Amino acid sequence: MLPFIKQKSFLRTTPKNKAGLGFSLIHKIIPFIILGIGMQIASQNCARDLIYDINIVGKPLFIFKKQPIYPFWSIITAYISSVGGINKTANDIVYQDLKVMLPTLLIAVLIYFLLVYVRTLNDEKDKNFLNSGKIATVKELKSYGLLNKSGVVVGQTEDAYVVGSMENGSCKLDVKRTGKIIRFDMNVCAMVLAGSRLGKGVSTVA
């Protein structure tokens, strides 16, 4: 098929990335958002359990309806502050609140790899788009007008059975079973290539 016959043909181009930049950002941002939510819940629980001890959890970001709101990283700073401290109770509280992060961490990791897998499936569909020549199906030939009743005969479908032989230096084709005739009826030039005395003229029907 020739690319400039727009009504009957197509131009193969490099396949576009279906995922795009948006998906690339989303599949990285969403796991971090989920992990951040888990850290925020753990930080709030830790601050409450430690009775808002400023020496361990630090100062809140702001007060909302008389409720101090701490940054999501407060659980990390609380853990660092409690490590090696003499207050074993505080250490235990921080350690228990850290466990709240584990489910969200697991969910974040699973979602990340799930989205990576989805993107891989989309990319696999286009992996062999270029340089993937194959024998056209009857449906494809028909859709591009190659089974019309007029035009230059260029061949038959693969269900034809033709036996070739050489007689007196010429090629003889004996058609045992015919297939659907493939015709080229576009308003363009056609080039027939074959060796000398192989029937280029007599085998090309307009």
C-alpha atoms as a PDB file:
ATOM      1  CA  MET A   1       0.000   0.000   0.000  1.00  0.00           C
ATOM      2  CA  LEU A   2       1.250   3.465  -0.810  1.00  0.00           C
ATOM      3  CA  PRO A   3       1.065   6.106   1.937  1.00  0.00           C
ATOM      4  CA  PHE A   4      -0.132   8.977  -0.253  1.00  0.00           C
ATOM      5  CA  ILE A   5      -3.349   7.189  -1.229  1.00  0.00           C
ATOM      6  CA  LYS A   6      -5.057   8.361   1.934  1.00  0.00           C
ATOM      7  CA  GLN A   7      -8.501   6.981   1.185  1.00  0.00           C
ATOM      8  CA  LYS A   8      -7.230   3.407   0.773  1.00  0.00           C
ATOM      9  CA  SER A   9      -3.973   3.140   2.620  1.00  0.00           C
ATOM     10  CA  PHE A  10      -2.166   4.142   5.774  1.00  0.00           C
ATOM     11  CA  LEU A  11       1.274   5.370   6.681  1.00  0.00           C
ATOM     12  CA  ARG A  12       3.181   3.391   9.261  1.00  0.00           C
ATOM     13  CA  THR A  13       4.759   5.707  11.757  1.00  0.00           C
ATOM     14  CA  THR A  14       6.521   5.184  15.058  1.00  0.00           C
ATOM     15  CA  PRO A  15       3.812   4.109  17.533  1.00  0.00           C
ATOM     16  CA  LYS A  16       2.891   6.720  20.071  1.00  0.00           C
ATOM     17  CA  ASN A  17       3.399   6.052  23.746  1.00  0.00           C
ATOM     18  CA  LYS A  18      -0.146   5.343  24.899  1.00  0.00           C
ATOM     19  CA  ALA A  19       0.742   5.875  28.529  1.00  0.00           C
ATOM     20  CA  GLY A  20       2.194   9.328  27.929  1.00  0.00           C
ATOM     21  CA  LEU A  21       3.716  11.748  30.386  1.00  0.00           C
ATOM     22  CA  GLY A  22       0.554  11.858  32.503  1.00  0.00           C
ATOM     23  CA  PHE A  23       0.634   8.133  33.236  1.00  0.00           C
ATOM     24  CA  SER A  24       4.384   8.294  33.895  1.00  0.00           C
ATOM     25  CA  LEU A  25       3.798  10.905  36.578  1.00  0.00           C
ATOM     26  CA  ILE A  26       0.703   9.264  38.035  1.00  0.00           C
ATOM     27  CA  HIS A  27       2.264   5.839  38.482  1.00  0.00           C
ATOM     28  CA  LYS A  28       5.057   7.451  40.515  1.00  0.00           C
ATOM     29  CA  ILE A  29       3.004  10.028  42.437  1.00  0.00           C
ATOM     30  CA  ILE A  30       0.105   7.822  43.590  1.00  0.00           C
ATOM     31  CA  PRO A  31       2.283   5.408  45.645  1.00  0.00           C
ATOM     32  CA  PHE A  32       3.967   8.378  47.366  1.00  0.00           C
ATOM     33  CA  ILE A  33       0.571   9.919  48.140  1.00  0.00           C
ATOM     34  CA  ILE A  34      -0.614   6.643  49.710  1.00  0.00           C
ATOM     35  CA  LEU A  35       2.593   6.356  51.717  1.00  0.00           C
ATOM     36  CA  GLY A  36       2.254  10.005  52.778  1.00  0.00           C
ATOM     37  CA  ILE A  37      -1.290   9.372  54.034  1.00  0.00           C
ATOM     38  CA  GLY A  38      -0.029   6.452  56.106  1.00  0.00           C
ATOM     39  CA  MET A  39       2.780   8.595  57.543  1.00  0.00           C
ATOM     40  CA  GLN A  40       0.314  11.389  58.333  1.00  0.00           C
ATOM     41  CA  ILE A  41      -1.985   9.013  60.235  1.00  0.00           C
ATOM     42  CA  ALA A  42       0.984   7.536  62.096  1.00  0.00           C
ATOM     43  CA  SER A  43       2.291  11.032  62.963  1.00  0.00           C
ATOM     44  CA  GLN A  44      -1.069  12.166  64.321  1.00  0.00           C
ATOM     45  CA  ASN A  45      -1.485   8.986  66.370  1.00  0.00           C
ATOM     46  CA  CYS A  46       2.062   9.254  67.695  1.00  0.00           C
ATOM     47  CA  ALA A  47       1.616  12.894  68.722  1.00  0.00           C
ATOM     48  CA  ARG A  48      -1.643  12.072  70.492  1.00  0.00           C
ATOM     49  CA  ASP A  49      -0.214   9.018  72.262  1.00  0.00           C
ATOM     50  CA  LEU A  50       2.793  11.048  73.442  1.00  0.00           C
ATOM     51  CA  ILE A  51       0.449  13.795  74.689  1.00  0.00           C
ATOM     52  CA  TYR A  52       1.932  16.195  72.127  1.00  0.00           C
ATOM     53  CA  ASP A  53       5.370  16.129  73.718  1.00  0.00           C
ATOM     54  CA  ILE A  54       7.229  18.868  71.834  1.00  0.00           C
ATOM     55  CA  ASN A  55      10.584  17.300  72.707  1.00  0.00           C
ATOM     56  CA  ILE A  56       9.739  14.185  70.721  1.00  0.00           C
ATOM     57  CA  VAL A  57       7.194  15.071  68.019  1.00  0.00           C
ATOM     58  CA  GLY A  58       8.135  18.721  67.651  1.00  0.00           C
ATOM     59  CA  LYS A  59       5.756  21.596  66.938  1.00  0.00           C
ATOM     60  CA  PRO A  60       2.570  21.203  64.895  1.00  0.00           C
ATOM     61  CA  LEU A  61       2.240  22.836  61.520  1.00  0.00           C
ATOM     62  CA  PHE A  62      -1.049  24.493  62.465  1.00  0.00           C
ATOM     63  CA  ILE A  63      -4.103  24.121  64.671  1.00  0.00           C
ATOM     64  CA  PHE A  64      -7.375  23.099  63.058  1.00  0.00           C
ATOM     65  CA  LYS A  65     -10.490  23.220  65.242  1.00  0.00           C
ATOM     66  CA  LYS A  66      -8.356  22.988  68.373  1.00  0.00           C
ATOM     67  CA  GLN A  67      -6.618  19.932  66.914  1.00  0.00           C
ATOM     68  CA  PRO A  68      -2.853  20.253  66.299  1.00  0.00           C
ATOM     69  CA  ILE A  69      -1.901  19.045  62.847  1.00  0.00           C
ATOM     70  CA  TYR A  70       1.618  17.663  62.490  1.00  0.00           C
ATOM     71  CA  PRO A  71       3.607  17.186  59.280  1.00  0.00           C
ATOM     72  CA  PHE A  72       3.659  13.668  57.886  1.00  0.00           C
ATOM     73  CA  TRP A  73       7.362  13.314  58.622  1.00  0.00           C
ATOM     74  CA  SER A  74       6.832  13.830  62.377  1.00  0.00           C
ATOM     75  CA  ILE A  75       6.709  10.065  62.915  1.00  0.00           C
ATOM     76  CA  ILE A  76      10.254   9.813  61.506  1.00  0.00           C
ATOM     77  CA  THR A  77      11.604  12.648  63.656  1.00  0.00           C
ATOM     78  CA  ALA A  78       9.848  11.146  66.691  1.00  0.00           C
ATOM     79  CA  TYR A  79      11.493   7.810  66.018  1.00  0.00           C
ATOM     80  CA  ILE A  80      14.920   9.434  65.693  1.00  0.00           C
ATOM     81  CA  SER A  81      14.374  11.420  68.894  1.00  0.00           C
ATOM     82  CA  SER A  82      13.234   8.367  70.837  1.00  0.00           C
ATOM     83  CA  VAL A  83      16.045   6.064  69.728  1.00  0.00           C
ATOM     84  CA  GLY A  84      18.504   5.667  72.575  1.00  0.00           C
ATOM     85  CA  GLY A  85      16.334   7.705  74.933  1.00  0.00           C
ATOM     86  CA  ILE A  86      15.809   6.765  78.533  1.00  0.00           C
ATOM     87  CA  ASN A  87      12.015   6.907  78.200  1.00  0.00           C
ATOM     88  CA  LYS A  88      11.224   3.318  77.239  1.00  0.00           C
ATOM     89  CA  THR A  89       7.486   4.004  77.215  1.00  0.00           C
ATOM     90  CA  ALA A  90       7.961   6.686  74.559  1.00  0.00           C
ATOM     91  CA  ASN A  91      10.093   4.291  72.548  1.00  0.00           C
ATOM     92  CA  ASP A  92       7.365   1.660  72.641  1.00  0.00           C
ATOM     93  CA  ILE A  93       4.674   4.173  71.660  1.00  0.00           C
ATOM     94  CA  VAL A  94       6.645   5.416  68.645  1.00  0.00           C
ATOM     95  CA  TYR A  95       7.439   1.856  67.579  1.00  0.00           C
ATOM     96  CA  GLN A  96       3.771   0.825  67.761  1.00  0.00           C
ATOM     97  CA  ASP A  97       2.665   3.888  65.792  1.00  0.00           C
ATOM     98  CA  LEU A  98       5.274   3.140  63.147  1.00  0.00           C
ATOM     99  CA  LYS A  99       3.451  -0.126  62.459  1.00  0.00           C
ATOM    100  CA  VAL A 100       0.514   1.905  61.128  1.00  0.00           C
ATOM    101  CA  MET A 101       2.704   2.757  58.134  1.00  0.00           C
ATOM    102  CA  LEU A 102       3.296  -0.872  57.157  1.00  0.00           C
ATOM    103  CA  PRO A 103      -0.104  -1.537  55.468  1.00  0.00           C
ATOM    104  CA  THR A 104       0.063   1.712  53.497  1.00  0.00           C
ATOM    105  CA  LEU A 105       3.686   0.997  52.548  1.00  0.00           C
ATOM    106  CA  LEU A 106       2.659  -2.428  51.258  1.00  0.00           C
ATOM    107  CA  ILE A 107      -0.295  -0.965  49.342  1.00  0.00           C
ATOM    108  CA  ALA A 108       1.930   1.741  47.832  1.00  0.00           C
ATOM    109  CA  VAL A 109       4.473  -0.823  46.623  1.00  0.00           C
ATOM    110  CA  LEU A 110       1.769  -3.101  45.172  1.00  0.00           C
ATOM    111  CA  ILE A 111       0.077  -0.215  43.339  1.00  0.00           C
ATOM    112  CA  TYR A 112       3.417   0.955  41.957  1.00  0.00           C
ATOM    113  CA  PHE A 113       4.244  -2.438  40.456  1.00  0.00           C
ATOM    114  CA  LEU A 114       0.650  -2.912  39.268  1.00  0.00           C
ATOM    115  CA  LEU A 115       0.795   0.374  37.340  1.00  0.00           C
ATOM    116  CA  VAL A 116       4.221  -0.546  35.952  1.00  0.00           C
ATOM    117  CA  TYR A 117       2.740  -3.860  34.774  1.00  0.00           C
ATOM    118  CA  VAL A 118      -0.203  -2.078  33.113  1.00  0.00           C
ATOM    119  CA  ARG A 119       2.198   0.249  31.327  1.00  0.00           C
ATOM    120  CA  THR A 120       4.293  -2.713  30.185  1.00  0.00           C
ATOM    121  CA  LEU A 121       1.207  -4.371  28.692  1.00  0.00           C
ATOM    122  CA  ASN A 122       0.396  -1.197  26.743  1.00  0.00           C
ATOM    123  CA  ASP A 123       3.959  -0.975  25.453  1.00  0.00           C
ATOM    124  CA  GLU A 124       3.967  -4.661  24.435  1.00  0.00           C
ATOM    125  CA  LYS A 125       1.041  -4.051  22.063  1.00  0.00           C
ATOM    126  CA  ASP A 126       3.193  -1.710  19.981  1.00  0.00           C
ATOM    127  CA  LYS A 127       6.500  -3.519  20.445  1.00  0.00           C
ATOM    128  CA  ASN A 128       6.411  -5.241  17.061  1.00  0.00           C
ATOM    129  CA  PHE A 129       4.390  -2.618  15.170  1.00  0.00           C
ATOM    130  CA  LEU A 130       7.306  -1.630  12.942  1.00  0.00           C
ATOM    131  CA  ASN A 131       9.337  -4.147  10.949  1.00  0.00           C
ATOM    132  CA  SER A 132       6.577  -6.736  11.364  1.00  0.00           C
ATOM    133  CA  GLY A 133       5.727  -7.772   7.813  1.00  0.00           C
ATOM    134  CA  LYS A 134       3.200 -10.593   7.524  1.00  0.00           C
ATOM    135  CA  ILE A 135       0.893 -12.151   4.973  1.00  0.00           C
ATOM    136  CA  ALA A 136      -2.299 -10.119   4.816  1.00  0.00           C
ATOM    137  CA  THR A 137      -5.575 -11.801   5.673  1.00  0.00           C
ATOM    138  CA  VAL A 138      -8.539 -11.817   3.285  1.00  0.00           C
ATOM    139  CA  LYS A 139     -10.276  -9.359   5.588  1.00  0.00           C
ATOM    140  CA  GLU A 140      -7.332  -6.944   5.370  1.00  0.00           C
ATOM    141  CA  LEU A 141      -7.146  -7.267   1.585  1.00  0.00           C
ATOM    142  CA  LYS A 142     -10.841  -6.560   1.287  1.00  0.00           C
ATOM    143  CA  SER A 143     -10.719  -3.558   3.612  1.00  0.00           C
ATOM    144  CA  TYR A 144      -8.056  -1.909   1.429  1.00  0.00           C
ATOM    145  CA  GLY A 145      -9.819  -2.604  -1.849  1.00  0.00           C
ATOM    146  CA  LEU A 146      -7.443  -5.283  -3.100  1.00  0.00           C
ATOM    147  CA  LEU A 147     -10.254  -7.746  -3.867  1.00  0.00           C
ATOM    148  CA  ASN A 148     -12.149  -5.396  -6.177  1.00  0.00           C
ATOM    149  CA  LYS A 149     -13.354  -6.623  -9.573  1.00  0.00           C
ATOM    150  CA  SER A 150     -11.072  -4.320 -11.589  1.00  0.00           C
ATOM    151  CA  GLY A 151      -7.440  -3.324 -11.653  1.00  0.00           C
ATOM    152  CA  VAL A 152      -4.037  -4.844 -12.291  1.00  0.00           C
ATOM    153  CA  VAL A 153      -3.946  -8.477 -11.213  1.00  0.00           C
ATOM    154  CA  VAL A 154      -1.020  -8.912  -8.851  1.00  0.00           C
ATOM    155  CA  GLY A 155      -1.738 -12.352  -7.437  1.00  0.00           C
ATOM    156  CA  GLN A 156      -4.114 -14.623  -5.600  1.00  0.00           C
ATOM    157  CA  THR A 157      -4.833 -15.328  -1.973  1.00  0.00           C
ATOM    158  CA  GLU A 158      -2.790 -18.016  -0.264  1.00  0.00           C
ATOM    159  CA  ASP A 159      -5.430 -20.716  -0.699  1.00  0.00           C
ATOM    160  CA  ALA A 160      -4.496 -20.899  -4.418  1.00  0.00           C
ATOM    161  CA  TYR A 161      -2.392 -23.860  -5.522  1.00  0.00           C
ATOM    162  CA  VAL A 162      -0.049 -23.144  -8.424  1.00  0.00           C
ATOM    163  CA  VAL A 163       2.638 -25.459  -9.794  1.00  0.00           C
ATOM    164  CA  GLY A 164       5.542 -23.831 -11.624  1.00  0.00           C
ATOM    165  CA  SER A 165       7.823 -25.417 -14.178  1.00  0.00           C
ATOM    166  CA  MET A 166      10.327 -24.391 -16.843  1.00  0.00           C
ATOM    167  CA  GLU A 167       9.733 -25.236 -20.515  1.00  0.00           C
ATOM    168  CA  ASN A 168      12.038 -24.080 -23.315  1.00  0.00           C
ATOM    169  CA  GLY A 169      13.603 -21.476 -21.051  1.00  0.00           C
ATOM    170  CA  SER A 170      10.235 -20.004 -20.032  1.00  0.00           C
ATOM    171  CA  CYS A 171       8.305 -20.278 -16.788  1.00  0.00           C
ATOM    172  CA  LYS A 172       5.039 -22.159 -16.961  1.00  0.00           C
ATOM    173  CA  LEU A 173       2.472 -21.802 -14.197  1.00  0.00           C
ATOM    174  CA  ASP A 174      -0.190 -24.476 -13.833  1.00  0.00           C
ATOM    175  CA  VAL A 175      -3.069 -23.347 -11.611  1.00  0.00           C
ATOM    176  CA  LYS A 176      -4.448 -26.370  -9.786  1.00  0.00           C
ATOM    177  CA  ARG A 177      -6.750 -24.421  -7.508  1.00  0.00           C
ATOM    178  CA  THR A 178      -7.613 -20.750  -7.724  1.00  0.00           C
ATOM    179  CA  GLY A 179      -7.896 -18.352  -4.846  1.00  0.00           C
ATOM    180  CA  LYS A 180      -9.402 -14.896  -4.628  1.00  0.00           C
ATOM    181  CA  ILE A 181      -7.875 -12.572  -7.210  1.00  0.00           C
ATOM    182  CA  ILE A 182      -5.854  -9.710  -5.742  1.00  0.00           C
ATOM    183  CA  ARG A 183      -6.104  -6.570  -7.861  1.00  0.00           C
ATOM    184  CA  PHE A 184      -4.370  -3.232  -7.604  1.00  0.00           C
ATOM    185  CA  ASP A 185      -6.790  -0.559  -8.820  1.00  0.00           C
ATOM    186  CA  MET A 186      -5.299   2.616  -7.387  1.00  0.00           C
ATOM    187  CA  ASN A 187      -4.418   5.571  -9.571  1.00  0.00           C
ATOM    188  CA  VAL A 188      -0.666   5.047  -9.292  1.00  0.00           C
ATOM    189  CA  CYS A 189       2.104   3.288 -11.180  1.00  0.00           C
ATOM    190  CA  ALA A 190       2.744  -0.424 -10.735  1.00  0.00           C
ATOM    191  CA  MET A 191       6.157  -2.038 -11.175  1.00  0.00           C
ATOM    192  CA  VAL A 192       6.570  -5.710 -12.024  1.00  0.00           C
ATOM    193  CA  LEU A 193       9.938  -7.284 -11.208  1.00  0.00           C
ATOM    194  CA  ALA A 194      11.059 -10.704 -12.398  1.00  0.00           C
ATOM    195  CA  GLY A 195      13.832 -12.340 -14.344  1.00  0.00           C
ATOM    196  CA  SER A 196      13.980 -12.553 -18.118  1.00  0.00           C
ATOM    197  CA  ARG A 197      11.246 -14.637 -19.814  1.00  0.00           C
ATOM    198  CA  LEU A 198       9.371 -15.308 -16.571  1.00  0.00           C
ATOM    199  CA  GLY A 199       6.032 -14.031 -17.800  1.00  0.00           C
ATOM    200  CA  LYS A 200       6.016 -10.429 -16.629  1.00  0.00           C
ATOM    201  CA  GLY A 201       3.933  -9.338 -19.575  1.00  0.00           C
ATOM    202  CA  VAL A 202       1.504 -12.194 -20.044  1.00  0.00           C
ATOM    203  CA  SER A 203       0.950 -12.625 -16.314  1.00  0.00           C
ATOM    204  CA  THR A 204       0.086  -8.987 -15.647  1.00  0.00           C
ATOM    205  CA  VAL A 205      -3.548  -8.323 -16.549  1.00  0.00           C
ATOM    206  CA  ALA A 206      -4.985  -4.812 -16.627  1.00  0.00           C
END
